[in-house]
Amino acid sequence: MEKTIKVINELKNQGLIEDYAIGGGIGSIFYIEPVLTFDLDVLILIKSEGKIITLSPIYDYLKRKGYRAEKEHIIIEGVPVQFIPVYNDLVKEAVEKASEVRYKGVKTRILTSEYLVAIMLQTYRPKDRERIIKFLEEAKVNLRTLSKILQKHKLKEKYEQFLRTYYGKK
């Protein structure tokens, strides 16, 4: 995966993306026990002339380098990568405040545990609910920071409902 991350960093260096952060299942493994995941979710900030965002420059660049598209993914060094443009204020803020880490010596950016929990709470698929529980039980989640994020993005009530449902807390 380090080769894949190097290619993603190259996209930033070439100006094809402004910034990025790894999220999803692979982003989660920096904090909790590994979870089954198929792909690498890369949340990206990209320049857009209008309201329509196009990933064509990214895909064209990667295809010229010999990588191939497969449905919504592009296979980079054997890893299916899904580039996801930021789609709301929470995700934009999460990418902007991502942590810089090293993966096998390669610099990369991952979403913080607090933003991962907030995004999972927002999307709220069954696998997200399971991961939220794992994060709250296994990861270092700064509850004060999480609370501020949830308050800002109007997710506090949903979080309290989640706690009541899964932990019986009021």
N, C-alpha and C. Protein backbone atom coordinates (compact mmCIF):
# COMPACT_ATOMS: atom_id res chain seq x y z
N MET A 1 0.80 -1.19 0.00
CA MET A 1 0.00 0.00 0.00
C MET A 1 0.85 1.27 0.00
N GLU A 2 2.10 1.15 0.46
CA GLU A 2 2.94 2.36 0.47
C GLU A 2 3.16 2.92 -0.93
N LYS A 3 3.23 2.03 -1.94
CA LYS A 3 3.37 2.51 -3.32
C LYS A 3 2.12 3.28 -3.75
N THR A 4 0.97 2.78 -3.32
CA THR A 4 -0.29 3.45 -3.64
C THR A 4 -0.31 4.84 -3.02
N ILE A 5 0.11 4.95 -1.77
CA ILE A 5 0.14 6.24 -1.08
C ILE A 5 1.10 7.20 -1.78
N LYS A 6 2.24 6.68 -2.24
CA LYS A 6 3.18 7.54 -2.97
C LYS A 6 2.52 8.14 -4.22
N VAL A 7 1.72 7.33 -4.92
CA VAL A 7 1.04 7.82 -6.12
C VAL A 7 0.00 8.88 -5.74
N ILE A 8 -0.70 8.68 -4.64
CA ILE A 8 -1.68 9.67 -4.18
C ILE A 8 -0.97 10.97 -3.81
N ASN A 9 0.17 10.87 -3.15
CA ASN A 9 0.96 12.07 -2.83
C ASN A 9 1.41 12.78 -4.10
N GLU A 10 1.71 12.01 -5.12
CA GLU A 10 2.11 12.57 -6.42
C GLU A 10 0.97 13.40 -7.01
N LEU A 11 -0.27 12.93 -6.85
CA LEU A 11 -1.43 13.69 -7.34
C LEU A 11 -1.49 15.07 -6.68
N LYS A 12 -1.17 15.11 -5.40
CA LYS A 12 -1.16 16.39 -4.68
C LYS A 12 0.00 17.26 -5.17
N ASN A 13 1.17 16.66 -5.30
CA ASN A 13 2.35 17.40 -5.77
C ASN A 13 2.15 17.95 -7.18
N GLN A 14 1.39 17.24 -8.01
CA GLN A 14 1.12 17.68 -9.39
C GLN A 14 -0.01 18.71 -9.45
N GLY A 15 -0.67 18.97 -8.31
CA GLY A 15 -1.75 19.94 -8.27
C GLY A 15 -3.10 19.41 -8.74
N LEU A 16 -3.21 18.10 -8.92
CA LEU A 16 -4.48 17.52 -9.35
C LEU A 16 -5.48 17.45 -8.21
N ILE A 17 -4.98 17.39 -6.99
CA ILE A 17 -5.83 17.50 -5.81
C ILE A 17 -5.18 18.52 -4.88
N GLU A 18 -6.02 19.26 -4.15
CA GLU A 18 -5.47 20.24 -3.21
C GLU A 18 -4.97 19.54 -1.95
N ASP A 19 -5.76 18.60 -1.47
CA ASP A 19 -5.38 17.85 -0.28
C ASP A 19 -6.20 16.57 -0.23
N TYR A 20 -5.85 15.69 0.69
CA TYR A 20 -6.57 14.43 0.81
C TYR A 20 -6.42 13.89 2.23
N ALA A 21 -7.26 12.92 2.53
CA ALA A 21 -7.12 12.16 3.77
C ALA A 21 -7.74 10.78 3.54
N ILE A 22 -7.11 9.80 4.12
CA ILE A 22 -7.63 8.43 4.04
C ILE A 22 -8.72 8.27 5.09
N GLY A 23 -9.84 7.71 4.67
CA GLY A 23 -10.95 7.45 5.58
C GLY A 23 -11.41 6.02 5.43
N GLY A 24 -12.67 5.78 5.72
CA GLY A 24 -13.25 4.45 5.56
C GLY A 24 -12.58 3.39 6.41
N GLY A 25 -12.68 2.14 5.94
CA GLY A 25 -12.14 1.01 6.68
C GLY A 25 -10.65 1.07 6.88
N ILE A 26 -9.91 1.49 5.86
CA ILE A 26 -8.45 1.55 6.00
C ILE A 26 -8.07 2.69 6.93
N GLY A 27 -8.77 3.81 6.87
CA GLY A 27 -8.52 4.88 7.82
C GLY A 27 -8.77 4.42 9.25
N SER A 28 -9.75 3.56 9.41
CA SER A 28 -10.10 3.05 10.74
C SER A 28 -9.01 2.19 11.35
N ILE A 29 -8.26 1.46 10.51
CA ILE A 29 -7.28 0.52 11.08
C ILE A 29 -6.11 1.22 11.76
N PHE A 30 -6.01 2.53 11.60
CA PHE A 30 -4.99 3.27 12.34
C PHE A 30 -5.40 3.42 13.81
N TYR A 31 -6.67 3.13 14.12
CA TYR A 31 -7.21 3.34 15.46
C TYR A 31 -7.78 2.09 16.13
N ILE A 32 -8.37 1.19 15.34
CA ILE A 32 -9.05 0.03 15.92
C ILE A 32 -8.55 -1.25 15.25
N GLU A 33 -8.98 -2.39 15.80
CA GLU A 33 -8.65 -3.67 15.19
C GLU A 33 -9.03 -3.63 13.71
N PRO A 34 -8.25 -4.26 12.86
CA PRO A 34 -8.57 -4.24 11.42
C PRO A 34 -10.00 -4.70 11.13
N VAL A 35 -10.60 -4.05 10.17
CA VAL A 35 -11.95 -4.40 9.72
C VAL A 35 -11.86 -4.84 8.27
N LEU A 36 -12.81 -5.66 7.87
CA LEU A 36 -12.83 -6.12 6.49
C LEU A 36 -13.19 -4.95 5.58
N THR A 37 -12.35 -4.70 4.61
CA THR A 37 -12.63 -3.62 3.68
C THR A 37 -12.09 -3.99 2.30
N PHE A 38 -12.74 -3.50 1.29
CA PHE A 38 -12.40 -3.85 -0.08
C PHE A 38 -11.46 -2.84 -0.73
N ASP A 39 -11.57 -1.59 -0.31
CA ASP A 39 -10.86 -0.54 -1.05
C ASP A 39 -10.28 0.50 -0.12
N LEU A 40 -9.54 1.41 -0.73
CA LEU A 40 -8.96 2.54 -0.03
C LEU A 40 -9.80 3.77 -0.37
N ASP A 41 -10.48 4.31 0.64
CA ASP A 41 -11.29 5.52 0.43
C ASP A 41 -10.42 6.73 0.66
N VAL A 42 -10.29 7.56 -0.37
CA VAL A 42 -9.48 8.77 -0.28
C VAL A 42 -10.39 9.97 -0.49
N LEU A 43 -10.60 10.71 0.59
CA LEU A 43 -11.42 11.91 0.52
C LEU A 43 -10.54 13.04 0.02
N ILE A 44 -11.00 13.74 -1.00
CA ILE A 44 -10.14 14.73 -1.65
C ILE A 44 -10.78 16.11 -1.73
N LEU A 45 -9.92 17.11 -1.59
CA LEU A 45 -10.28 18.50 -1.87
C LEU A 45 -9.73 18.78 -3.27
N ILE A 46 -10.60 19.18 -4.18
CA ILE A 46 -10.15 19.53 -5.52
C ILE A 46 -10.75 20.86 -5.93
N LYS A 47 -10.02 21.55 -6.79
CA LYS A 47 -10.52 22.82 -7.32
C LYS A 47 -11.66 22.54 -8.28
N SER A 48 -12.65 23.39 -8.23
CA SER A 48 -13.80 23.22 -9.10
C SER A 48 -14.18 24.58 -9.66
N GLU A 49 -14.41 24.64 -10.95
CA GLU A 49 -14.79 25.90 -11.60
C GLU A 49 -16.22 26.29 -11.27
N GLY A 50 -17.07 25.33 -11.09
CA GLY A 50 -18.47 25.61 -10.79
C GLY A 50 -18.97 24.61 -9.77
N LYS A 51 -20.23 24.25 -9.92
CA LYS A 51 -20.83 23.31 -8.97
C LYS A 51 -20.54 21.86 -9.35
N ILE A 52 -20.12 21.63 -10.57
CA ILE A 52 -19.86 20.27 -11.02
C ILE A 52 -18.39 19.94 -10.80
N ILE A 53 -18.18 18.85 -10.08
CA ILE A 53 -16.82 18.39 -9.80
C ILE A 53 -16.53 17.22 -10.73
N THR A 54 -15.38 17.27 -11.37
CA THR A 54 -14.99 16.17 -12.26
C THR A 54 -13.69 15.55 -11.79
N LEU A 55 -13.67 14.24 -11.84
CA LEU A 55 -12.47 13.49 -11.48
C LEU A 55 -11.65 13.13 -12.71
N SER A 56 -12.11 13.56 -13.88
CA SER A 56 -11.44 13.20 -15.13
C SER A 56 -9.95 13.51 -15.15
N PRO A 57 -9.51 14.69 -14.71
CA PRO A 57 -8.06 14.95 -14.74
C PRO A 57 -7.26 13.94 -13.90
N ILE A 58 -7.82 13.53 -12.77
CA ILE A 58 -7.15 12.54 -11.92
C ILE A 58 -7.08 11.20 -12.63
N TYR A 59 -8.23 10.75 -13.14
CA TYR A 59 -8.29 9.45 -13.82
C TYR A 59 -7.42 9.45 -15.08
N ASP A 60 -7.46 10.54 -15.85
CA ASP A 60 -6.64 10.63 -17.06
C ASP A 60 -5.15 10.54 -16.72
N TYR A 61 -4.74 11.26 -15.71
CA TYR A 61 -3.33 11.24 -15.27
C TYR A 61 -2.92 9.82 -14.87
N LEU A 62 -3.76 9.18 -14.07
CA LEU A 62 -3.43 7.83 -13.59
C LEU A 62 -3.44 6.80 -14.72
N LYS A 63 -4.36 6.96 -15.67
CA LYS A 63 -4.39 6.04 -16.82
C LYS A 63 -3.12 6.19 -17.65
N ARG A 64 -2.65 7.44 -17.82
CA ARG A 64 -1.40 7.66 -18.56
C ARG A 64 -0.22 6.99 -17.86
N LYS A 65 -0.31 6.83 -16.56
CA LYS A 65 0.75 6.18 -15.79
C LYS A 65 0.59 4.66 -15.77
N GLY A 66 -0.45 4.17 -16.46
CA GLY A 66 -0.62 2.73 -16.58
C GLY A 66 -1.62 2.09 -15.63
N TYR A 67 -2.33 2.90 -14.86
CA TYR A 67 -3.33 2.34 -13.94
C TYR A 67 -4.67 2.26 -14.64
N ARG A 68 -5.52 1.34 -14.19
CA ARG A 68 -6.79 1.13 -14.88
C ARG A 68 -7.99 1.39 -13.96
N ALA A 69 -9.06 1.86 -14.57
CA ALA A 69 -10.31 2.09 -13.84
C ALA A 69 -11.10 0.79 -13.82
N GLU A 70 -11.79 0.57 -12.72
CA GLU A 70 -12.66 -0.59 -12.57
C GLU A 70 -13.88 -0.14 -11.77
N LYS A 71 -14.99 0.07 -12.45
CA LYS A 71 -16.20 0.64 -11.84
C LYS A 71 -15.85 1.98 -11.22
N GLU A 72 -16.17 2.17 -9.92
CA GLU A 72 -15.90 3.47 -9.29
C GLU A 72 -14.49 3.58 -8.73
N HIS A 73 -13.67 2.57 -8.95
CA HIS A 73 -12.30 2.56 -8.43
C HIS A 73 -11.27 2.73 -9.55
N ILE A 74 -10.09 3.10 -9.13
CA ILE A 74 -8.94 3.00 -10.03
C ILE A 74 -7.93 2.13 -9.28
N ILE A 75 -7.39 1.16 -9.97
CA ILE A 75 -6.48 0.21 -9.34
C ILE A 75 -5.07 0.81 -9.40
N ILE A 76 -4.54 1.15 -8.23
CA ILE A 76 -3.21 1.75 -8.14
C ILE A 76 -2.31 0.79 -7.37
N GLU A 77 -1.31 0.27 -8.06
CA GLU A 77 -0.37 -0.68 -7.45
C GLU A 77 -1.12 -1.84 -6.79
N GLY A 78 -2.18 -2.31 -7.46
CA GLY A 78 -2.93 -3.46 -6.98
C GLY A 78 -4.01 -3.15 -5.95
N VAL A 79 -4.13 -1.90 -5.54
CA VAL A 79 -5.11 -1.51 -4.52
C VAL A 79 -6.26 -0.74 -5.18
N PRO A 80 -7.51 -1.20 -4.99
CA PRO A 80 -8.64 -0.43 -5.51
C PRO A 80 -8.80 0.85 -4.69
N VAL A 81 -8.73 1.99 -5.37
CA VAL A 81 -8.82 3.28 -4.70
C VAL A 81 -10.08 3.99 -5.18
N GLN A 82 -10.85 4.50 -4.23
CA GLN A 82 -12.02 5.29 -4.57
C GLN A 82 -11.75 6.73 -4.13
N PHE A 83 -11.70 7.63 -5.09
CA PHE A 83 -11.52 9.05 -4.80
C PHE A 83 -12.90 9.66 -4.56
N ILE A 84 -13.07 10.23 -3.38
CA ILE A 84 -14.36 10.79 -3.00
C ILE A 84 -14.18 12.29 -2.73
N PRO A 85 -14.69 13.14 -3.63
CA PRO A 85 -14.60 14.58 -3.38
C PRO A 85 -15.38 14.92 -2.10
N VAL A 86 -14.87 15.89 -1.34
CA VAL A 86 -15.60 16.29 -0.14
C VAL A 86 -17.02 16.68 -0.55
N TYR A 87 -17.99 16.22 0.20
CA TYR A 87 -19.38 16.40 -0.21
C TYR A 87 -20.23 17.19 0.78
N ASN A 88 -19.63 17.59 1.90
CA ASN A 88 -20.34 18.47 2.82
C ASN A 88 -19.32 19.15 3.75
N ASP A 89 -19.80 20.03 4.59
CA ASP A 89 -18.90 20.79 5.46
C ASP A 89 -18.15 19.92 6.45
N LEU A 90 -18.81 18.89 6.98
CA LEU A 90 -18.15 17.99 7.93
C LEU A 90 -16.96 17.29 7.28
N VAL A 91 -17.17 16.74 6.11
CA VAL A 91 -16.10 16.00 5.43
C VAL A 91 -14.98 16.95 5.00
N LYS A 92 -15.33 18.14 4.56
CA LYS A 92 -14.31 19.14 4.19
C LYS A 92 -13.43 19.48 5.39
N GLU A 93 -14.07 19.75 6.51
CA GLU A 93 -13.35 20.07 7.74
C GLU A 93 -12.49 18.88 8.18
N ALA A 94 -13.02 17.68 8.04
CA ALA A 94 -12.29 16.47 8.43
C ALA A 94 -11.00 16.33 7.62
N VAL A 95 -11.07 16.59 6.33
CA VAL A 95 -9.88 16.51 5.48
C VAL A 95 -8.89 17.61 5.87
N GLU A 96 -9.40 18.80 6.08
CA GLU A 96 -8.52 19.92 6.44
C GLU A 96 -7.80 19.69 7.77
N LYS A 97 -8.43 18.97 8.68
CA LYS A 97 -7.85 18.75 10.01
C LYS A 97 -7.28 17.34 10.18
N ALA A 98 -7.05 16.65 9.08
CA ALA A 98 -6.52 15.28 9.13
C ALA A 98 -5.13 15.26 9.76
N SER A 99 -4.79 14.09 10.29
CA SER A 99 -3.47 13.90 10.91
C SER A 99 -2.48 13.42 9.86
N GLU A 100 -1.27 13.95 9.95
CA GLU A 100 -0.21 13.47 9.08
C GLU A 100 0.51 12.34 9.82
N VAL A 101 0.62 11.20 9.16
CA VAL A 101 1.28 10.03 9.75
C VAL A 101 2.23 9.43 8.72
N ARG A 102 2.99 8.47 9.17
CA ARG A 102 3.85 7.72 8.26
C ARG A 102 3.35 6.29 8.21
N TYR A 103 3.23 5.78 6.99
CA TYR A 103 2.88 4.39 6.79
C TYR A 103 4.05 3.74 6.08
N LYS A 104 4.75 2.87 6.79
CA LYS A 104 5.95 2.21 6.25
C LYS A 104 6.91 3.24 5.64
N GLY A 105 7.09 4.34 6.35
CA GLY A 105 8.03 5.37 5.93
C GLY A 105 7.49 6.40 4.95
N VAL A 106 6.26 6.22 4.50
CA VAL A 106 5.68 7.14 3.52
C VAL A 106 4.68 8.06 4.23
N LYS A 107 4.85 9.36 4.01
CA LYS A 107 3.95 10.33 4.62
C LYS A 107 2.57 10.23 4.00
N THR A 108 1.55 10.27 4.86
CA THR A 108 0.17 10.28 4.38
C THR A 108 -0.70 11.02 5.39
N ARG A 109 -1.95 11.18 5.03
CA ARG A 109 -2.89 11.87 5.91
C ARG A 109 -4.09 10.97 6.16
N ILE A 110 -4.50 10.90 7.43
CA ILE A 110 -5.68 10.11 7.79
C ILE A 110 -6.64 10.98 8.59
N LEU A 111 -7.91 10.67 8.48
CA LEU A 111 -8.89 11.38 9.28
C LEU A 111 -8.66 11.05 10.75
N THR A 112 -8.89 12.02 11.62
CA THR A 112 -8.75 11.76 13.05
C THR A 112 -9.89 10.85 13.51
N SER A 113 -9.70 10.20 14.63
CA SER A 113 -10.73 9.29 15.14
C SER A 113 -12.05 10.02 15.38
N GLU A 114 -11.97 11.25 15.86
CA GLU A 114 -13.18 12.02 16.14
C GLU A 114 -13.97 12.31 14.86
N TYR A 115 -13.27 12.67 13.80
CA TYR A 115 -13.97 12.94 12.54
C TYR A 115 -14.48 11.65 11.90
N LEU A 116 -13.74 10.56 12.04
CA LEU A 116 -14.24 9.28 11.53
C LEU A 116 -15.55 8.92 12.22
N VAL A 117 -15.60 9.06 13.54
CA VAL A 117 -16.84 8.76 14.28
C VAL A 117 -17.97 9.67 13.81
N ALA A 118 -17.70 10.96 13.67
CA ALA A 118 -18.74 11.91 13.25
C ALA A 118 -19.27 11.56 11.85
N ILE A 119 -18.38 11.23 10.94
CA ILE A 119 -18.81 10.87 9.57
C ILE A 119 -19.60 9.57 9.59
N MET A 120 -19.15 8.59 10.38
CA MET A 120 -19.91 7.34 10.48
C MET A 120 -21.29 7.58 11.08
N LEU A 121 -21.37 8.48 12.03
CA LEU A 121 -22.66 8.82 12.64
C LEU A 121 -23.56 9.49 11.59
N GLN A 122 -22.96 10.30 10.74
CA GLN A 122 -23.73 10.98 9.70
C GLN A 122 -24.24 9.98 8.65
N THR A 123 -23.39 9.06 8.21
CA THR A 123 -23.80 8.11 7.17
C THR A 123 -24.68 7.01 7.76
N TYR A 124 -24.32 6.51 8.92
CA TYR A 124 -25.14 5.64 9.76
C TYR A 124 -25.59 4.33 9.12
N ARG A 125 -24.75 3.75 8.27
CA ARG A 125 -25.04 2.42 7.74
C ARG A 125 -24.80 1.40 8.86
N PRO A 126 -25.32 0.18 8.74
CA PRO A 126 -25.08 -0.83 9.78
C PRO A 126 -23.59 -1.00 10.11
N LYS A 127 -22.73 -1.03 9.08
CA LYS A 127 -21.30 -1.20 9.36
C LYS A 127 -20.71 0.02 10.06
N ASP A 128 -21.29 1.19 9.82
CA ASP A 128 -20.84 2.40 10.52
C ASP A 128 -21.18 2.32 12.00
N ARG A 129 -22.39 1.86 12.31
CA ARG A 129 -22.79 1.74 13.71
C ARG A 129 -21.88 0.76 14.45
N GLU A 130 -21.54 -0.35 13.80
CA GLU A 130 -20.62 -1.32 14.41
C GLU A 130 -19.26 -0.69 14.65
N ARG A 131 -18.78 0.07 13.69
CA ARG A 131 -17.46 0.70 13.84
C ARG A 131 -17.46 1.79 14.91
N ILE A 132 -18.56 2.52 15.03
CA ILE A 132 -18.64 3.54 16.08
C ILE A 132 -18.45 2.87 17.44
N ILE A 133 -19.11 1.75 17.65
CA ILE A 133 -18.96 1.02 18.92
C ILE A 133 -17.50 0.64 19.13
N LYS A 134 -16.87 0.10 18.09
CA LYS A 134 -15.45 -0.28 18.20
C LYS A 134 -14.57 0.93 18.52
N PHE A 135 -14.85 2.05 17.88
CA PHE A 135 -14.07 3.26 18.15
C PHE A 135 -14.22 3.70 19.60
N LEU A 136 -15.45 3.72 20.08
CA LEU A 136 -15.69 4.17 21.45
C LEU A 136 -15.07 3.22 22.47
N GLU A 137 -14.94 1.95 22.11
CA GLU A 137 -14.40 0.96 23.05
C GLU A 137 -12.90 0.73 22.89
N GLU A 138 -12.35 0.91 21.68
CA GLU A 138 -10.96 0.54 21.43
C GLU A 138 -10.03 1.72 21.14
N ALA A 139 -10.55 2.77 20.56
CA ALA A 139 -9.69 3.85 20.07
C ALA A 139 -9.57 4.97 21.10
N LYS A 140 -8.55 5.77 20.90
CA LYS A 140 -8.41 6.99 21.69
C LYS A 140 -9.24 8.07 20.99
N VAL A 141 -10.44 8.28 21.51
CA VAL A 141 -11.33 9.30 20.97
C VAL A 141 -11.44 10.39 22.03
N ASN A 142 -11.07 11.59 21.67
CA ASN A 142 -11.20 12.72 22.59
C ASN A 142 -12.67 13.13 22.59
N LEU A 143 -13.36 12.78 23.66
CA LEU A 143 -14.81 13.01 23.71
C LEU A 143 -15.17 14.49 23.71
N ARG A 144 -14.31 15.33 24.24
CA ARG A 144 -14.57 16.78 24.23
C ARG A 144 -14.49 17.29 22.78
N THR A 145 -13.46 16.86 22.06
CA THR A 145 -13.32 17.25 20.64
C THR A 145 -14.48 16.70 19.83
N LEU A 146 -14.81 15.43 20.05
CA LEU A 146 -15.93 14.82 19.34
C LEU A 146 -17.22 15.60 19.60
N SER A 147 -17.46 15.97 20.84
CA SER A 147 -18.66 16.71 21.20
C SER A 147 -18.74 18.04 20.45
N LYS A 148 -17.62 18.74 20.35
CA LYS A 148 -17.59 20.02 19.62
C LYS A 148 -17.91 19.82 18.14
N ILE A 149 -17.33 18.77 17.55
CA ILE A 149 -17.59 18.47 16.14
C ILE A 149 -19.07 18.15 15.93
N LEU A 150 -19.61 17.29 16.80
CA LEU A 150 -21.01 16.89 16.68
C LEU A 150 -21.95 18.09 16.85
N GLN A 151 -21.62 18.95 17.79
CA GLN A 151 -22.44 20.16 18.02
C GLN A 151 -22.41 21.06 16.78
N LYS A 152 -21.23 21.29 16.26
CA LYS A 152 -21.06 22.18 15.10
C LYS A 152 -21.83 21.68 13.88
N HIS A 153 -21.84 20.35 13.70
CA HIS A 153 -22.44 19.77 12.50
C HIS A 153 -23.82 19.16 12.77
N LYS A 154 -24.41 19.58 13.89
CA LYS A 154 -25.79 19.21 14.23
C LYS A 154 -25.99 17.69 14.29
N LEU A 155 -25.05 17.00 14.92
CA LEU A 155 -25.13 15.55 15.07
C LEU A 155 -25.22 15.13 16.54
N LYS A 156 -25.27 16.09 17.43
CA LYS A 156 -25.27 15.80 18.87
C LYS A 156 -26.47 14.94 19.27
N GLU A 157 -27.64 15.31 18.80
CA GLU A 157 -28.86 14.56 19.14
C GLU A 157 -28.79 13.13 18.59
N LYS A 158 -28.28 12.98 17.39
CA LYS A 158 -28.16 11.65 16.80
C LYS A 158 -27.19 10.79 17.61
N TYR A 159 -26.11 11.40 18.09
CA TYR A 159 -25.13 10.70 18.92
C TYR A 159 -25.76 10.27 20.24
N GLU A 160 -26.52 11.15 20.85
CA GLU A 160 -27.19 10.80 22.10
C GLU A 160 -28.18 9.66 21.90
N GLN A 161 -28.89 9.67 20.77
CA GLN A 161 -29.80 8.57 20.44
C GLN A 161 -29.02 7.27 20.24
N PHE A 162 -27.88 7.37 19.58
CA PHE A 162 -27.01 6.20 19.39
C PHE A 162 -26.60 5.63 20.75
N LEU A 163 -26.16 6.49 21.66
CA LEU A 163 -25.74 6.04 22.99
C LEU A 163 -26.89 5.38 23.75
N ARG A 164 -28.09 5.94 23.63
CA ARG A 164 -29.26 5.34 24.29
C ARG A 164 -29.56 3.96 23.70
N THR A 165 -29.50 3.87 22.38
CA THR A 165 -29.82 2.62 21.71
C THR A 165 -28.81 1.52 22.03
N TYR A 166 -27.53 1.84 21.97
CA TYR A 166 -26.51 0.81 22.10
C TYR A 166 -25.93 0.66 23.50
N TYR A 167 -26.06 1.68 24.33
CA TYR A 167 -25.47 1.61 25.67
C TYR A 167 -26.48 1.88 26.78
N GLY A 168 -27.71 2.22 26.42
CA GLY A 168 -28.73 2.51 27.41
C GLY A 168 -28.47 3.78 28.19
N LYS A 169 -27.60 4.65 27.65
CA LYS A 169 -27.27 5.91 28.34
C LYS A 169 -28.27 6.99 27.99
N LYS A 170 -28.53 7.84 28.96
CA LYS A 170 -29.44 8.97 28.73
C LYS A 170 -28.67 10.23 28.50
